[in-house]
Amino acid sequence: MMKKTVVALLAGMALGSSVYAGSAPGDKKFLGLEVGAATVKGDTFYELNREGTAAEYGVRLGAQTDEWRTMFTFDYFDSSDDDQNVEKALVTVDYFVYNSGTEVSVRPFVGLNVGYANYESTGVDVSGIVYGGQAGVVIGITPEIDLDLSYRYSLSQTDEFDSMGTIVFGFNYLF
């Protein structure tokens, strides 16, 4: 438990320093929620590399400019049907490859993620570093509201927890 707390605090400080390190004109901070359809591959008590699917949901905090977005997310996945549970804290960095510049802006992005996850199943409880990438599109509905749809894939460094892929729908309130 102590190890998880220390890693979560370090990740939060890393994000906090990038989010609040000084504001250039046009920088916006945001709070948001996300929900997704996730697939997890990991060992369970009765099957190696079992693939489970369920909803994943979480919260996000970040900052963005016209070209970049940095975000800290905490997500929770629980598939009791497949006997798998994942708690995951990620720091993501996204690059907007295009900005439509219209009133309702459309910005496709690609990005990287790194973080820490805890994977649990009957007889299995492992924690470790996760890393991967994501791609998607952000739609600026109003100057204060962004919606995004993306696919996030993360690999784990542990033997028992292989990977996690999620189609994510996010809602961000910019301030």
Protein backbone atom coordinates (compact mmCIF):
# COMPACT_ATOMS: atom_id res chain seq x y z
CA MET A 1 0.00 0.00 0.00
CA MET A 2 2.82 2.40 0.85
CA LYS A 3 4.49 1.74 -2.50
CA LYS A 4 1.25 2.58 -4.36
CA THR A 5 0.79 5.79 -2.37
CA VAL A 6 4.36 6.98 -3.02
CA VAL A 7 4.10 6.31 -6.76
CA ALA A 8 0.73 8.08 -6.97
CA LEU A 9 2.15 11.11 -5.14
CA LEU A 10 5.23 11.24 -7.37
CA ALA A 11 3.10 11.03 -10.50
CA GLY A 12 0.84 13.77 -9.15
CA MET A 13 3.83 16.02 -8.41
CA ALA A 14 5.24 15.43 -11.90
CA LEU A 15 1.94 16.39 -13.45
CA GLY A 16 1.44 19.30 -11.09
CA SER A 17 4.80 20.76 -12.00
CA SER A 18 4.01 20.55 -15.72
CA VAL A 19 0.44 21.83 -15.33
CA TYR A 20 1.23 24.76 -13.03
CA ALA A 21 4.82 25.57 -14.06
CA GLY A 22 3.84 28.85 -15.62
CA SER A 23 1.15 29.84 -18.00
CA ALA A 24 1.75 31.07 -21.49
CA PRO A 25 -1.03 32.92 -23.27
CA GLY A 26 -3.53 30.38 -24.57
CA ASP A 27 -2.77 27.69 -21.99
CA LYS A 28 -5.86 26.14 -20.45
CA LYS A 29 -6.16 23.81 -17.49
CA PHE A 30 -8.97 21.28 -17.27
CA LEU A 31 -10.79 18.79 -15.08
CA GLY A 32 -12.63 15.92 -16.65
CA LEU A 33 -14.27 12.54 -16.54
CA GLU A 34 -13.75 9.55 -18.77
CA VAL A 35 -15.56 6.31 -19.44
CA GLY A 36 -14.49 3.52 -21.73
CA ALA A 37 -14.92 0.03 -23.03
CA ALA A 38 -11.80 -1.82 -21.92
CA THR A 39 -10.17 -5.16 -22.61
CA VAL A 40 -7.63 -6.50 -20.12
CA LYS A 41 -5.29 -9.43 -20.69
CA GLY A 42 -3.82 -11.03 -17.57
CA ASP A 43 -3.43 -14.20 -15.53
CA THR A 44 -6.27 -15.39 -13.33
CA PHE A 45 -6.48 -18.25 -10.85
CA TYR A 46 -7.89 -20.61 -13.47
CA GLU A 47 -6.49 -19.32 -16.79
CA LEU A 48 -3.25 -17.73 -18.02
CA ASN A 49 -3.59 -14.64 -20.26
CA ARG A 50 -7.34 -14.41 -19.78
CA GLU A 51 -8.96 -11.62 -21.74
CA GLY A 52 -11.69 -9.75 -19.89
CA THR A 53 -13.91 -6.90 -20.99
CA ALA A 54 -15.88 -4.36 -18.96
CA ALA A 55 -16.40 -0.65 -18.48
CA GLU A 56 -13.55 1.50 -17.26
CA TYR A 57 -14.14 4.91 -15.71
CA GLY A 58 -11.98 7.62 -14.26
CA VAL A 59 -11.07 11.22 -13.62
CA ARG A 60 -8.56 13.47 -15.36
CA LEU A 61 -6.66 16.67 -14.64
CA GLY A 62 -4.51 18.43 -17.19
CA ALA A 63 -3.42 21.40 -19.23
CA GLN A 64 -3.38 22.07 -22.96
CA THR A 65 -2.29 24.54 -25.59
CA ASP A 66 -3.16 24.67 -29.29
CA GLU A 67 -0.45 22.03 -29.98
CA TRP A 68 -0.02 19.91 -26.82
CA ARG A 69 -1.99 18.35 -23.98
CA THR A 70 -0.63 16.88 -20.73
CA MET A 71 -2.98 14.92 -18.52
CA PHE A 72 -3.01 12.89 -15.31
CA THR A 73 -5.71 10.20 -15.20
CA PHE A 74 -6.85 7.73 -12.58
CA ASP A 75 -8.97 4.88 -13.98
CA TYR A 76 -10.76 1.91 -12.46
CA PHE A 77 -11.68 -1.35 -14.26
CA ASP A 78 -13.61 -4.20 -12.60
CA SER A 79 -14.77 -7.27 -14.48
CA SER A 80 -16.25 -9.65 -11.93
CA ASP A 81 -17.36 -11.95 -14.76
CA ASP A 82 -13.72 -12.40 -15.82
CA ASP A 83 -12.26 -12.15 -12.28
CA GLN A 84 -10.07 -9.12 -13.12
CA ASN A 85 -9.65 -5.71 -11.48
CA VAL A 86 -7.27 -2.88 -12.47
CA GLU A 87 -6.56 0.49 -10.87
CA LYS A 88 -4.34 2.65 -13.04
CA ALA A 89 -2.74 6.11 -12.73
CA LEU A 90 -1.28 7.54 -15.94
CA VAL A 91 0.49 10.63 -17.15
CA THR A 92 -0.23 11.22 -20.84
CA VAL A 93 1.26 13.66 -23.33
CA ASP A 94 -0.65 14.27 -26.58
CA TYR A 95 0.33 16.20 -29.72
CA PHE A 96 -2.47 17.76 -31.77
CA VAL A 97 -1.60 17.00 -35.38
CA TYR A 98 -4.23 19.38 -36.80
CA ASN A 99 -6.51 22.15 -35.55
CA SER A 100 -9.54 23.08 -37.63
CA GLY A 101 -9.55 26.59 -36.16
CA THR A 102 -13.32 26.85 -36.51
CA GLU A 103 -15.85 27.75 -33.81
CA VAL A 104 -16.30 24.04 -33.05
CA SER A 105 -12.67 22.96 -33.22
CA VAL A 106 -11.65 19.46 -34.28
CA ARG A 107 -8.16 18.35 -33.24
CA PRO A 108 -6.87 14.82 -33.94
CA PHE A 109 -3.99 13.76 -31.68
CA VAL A 110 -1.38 11.09 -31.02
CA GLY A 111 0.30 10.57 -27.68
CA LEU A 112 2.22 8.51 -25.16
CA ASN A 113 1.32 7.34 -21.67
CA VAL A 114 3.25 6.05 -18.68
CA GLY A 115 2.08 5.23 -15.20
CA TYR A 116 1.49 2.67 -12.49
CA ALA A 117 -1.19 -0.02 -12.29
CA ASN A 118 -2.40 -2.59 -9.80
CA TYR A 119 -3.85 -5.79 -11.28
CA GLU A 120 -5.88 -8.19 -9.12
CA SER A 121 -7.51 -11.53 -9.69
CA THR A 122 -8.10 -14.54 -7.43
CA GLY A 123 -4.62 -15.51 -6.25
CA VAL A 124 -2.95 -12.69 -8.23
CA ASP A 125 -2.13 -9.21 -6.94
CA VAL A 126 0.67 -7.41 -8.81
CA SER A 127 1.63 -3.78 -9.31
CA GLY A 128 4.02 -2.19 -11.73
CA ILE A 129 4.83 0.29 -14.43
CA VAL A 130 2.58 0.52 -17.50
CA TYR A 131 3.37 2.36 -20.74
CA GLY A 132 1.87 2.79 -24.17
CA GLY A 133 0.21 5.15 -26.60
CA GLN A 134 -3.07 6.65 -27.63
CA ALA A 135 -4.68 8.35 -30.60
CA GLY A 136 -7.98 10.11 -31.04
CA VAL A 137 -9.79 13.34 -31.66
CA VAL A 138 -10.76 16.26 -29.40
CA ILE A 139 -13.83 18.31 -30.30
CA GLY A 140 -14.09 21.74 -28.70
CA ILE A 141 -17.84 22.24 -28.27
CA THR A 142 -17.52 25.61 -26.47
CA PRO A 143 -14.50 27.55 -25.16
CA GLU A 144 -15.01 25.74 -21.81
CA ILE A 145 -16.08 22.24 -22.94
CA ASP A 146 -14.05 19.62 -24.84
CA LEU A 147 -15.18 16.12 -25.74
CA ASP A 148 -12.74 13.50 -26.89
CA LEU A 149 -12.85 10.02 -28.31
CA SER A 150 -9.67 7.97 -28.33
CA TYR A 151 -8.09 4.54 -28.18
CA ARG A 152 -5.51 3.99 -25.41
CA TYR A 153 -3.26 0.93 -25.26
CA SER A 154 -0.92 0.16 -22.37
CA LEU A 155 1.54 -2.66 -21.77
CA SER A 156 2.62 -3.81 -18.31
CA GLN A 157 6.09 -4.71 -17.09
CA THR A 158 4.73 -7.51 -14.88
CA ASP A 159 4.39 -11.12 -16.01
CA GLU A 160 0.86 -11.63 -14.68
CA PHE A 161 -0.67 -8.47 -16.20
CA ASP A 162 -0.01 -8.27 -19.95
CA SER A 163 -1.90 -5.35 -21.48
CA MET A 164 -4.98 -3.15 -21.51
CA GLY A 165 -6.74 -1.50 -24.44
CA THR A 166 -9.57 1.00 -24.02
CA ILE A 167 -11.87 3.00 -26.24
CA VAL A 168 -12.21 6.17 -24.15
CA PHE A 169 -14.87 8.89 -24.22
CA GLY A 170 -13.78 11.96 -22.26
CA PHE A 171 -15.47 15.14 -21.08
CA ASN A 172 -13.25 18.09 -20.07
CA TYR A 173 -14.15 21.37 -18.39
CA LEU A 174 -11.51 23.97 -19.28
CA PHE A 175 -10.71 26.90 -17.01
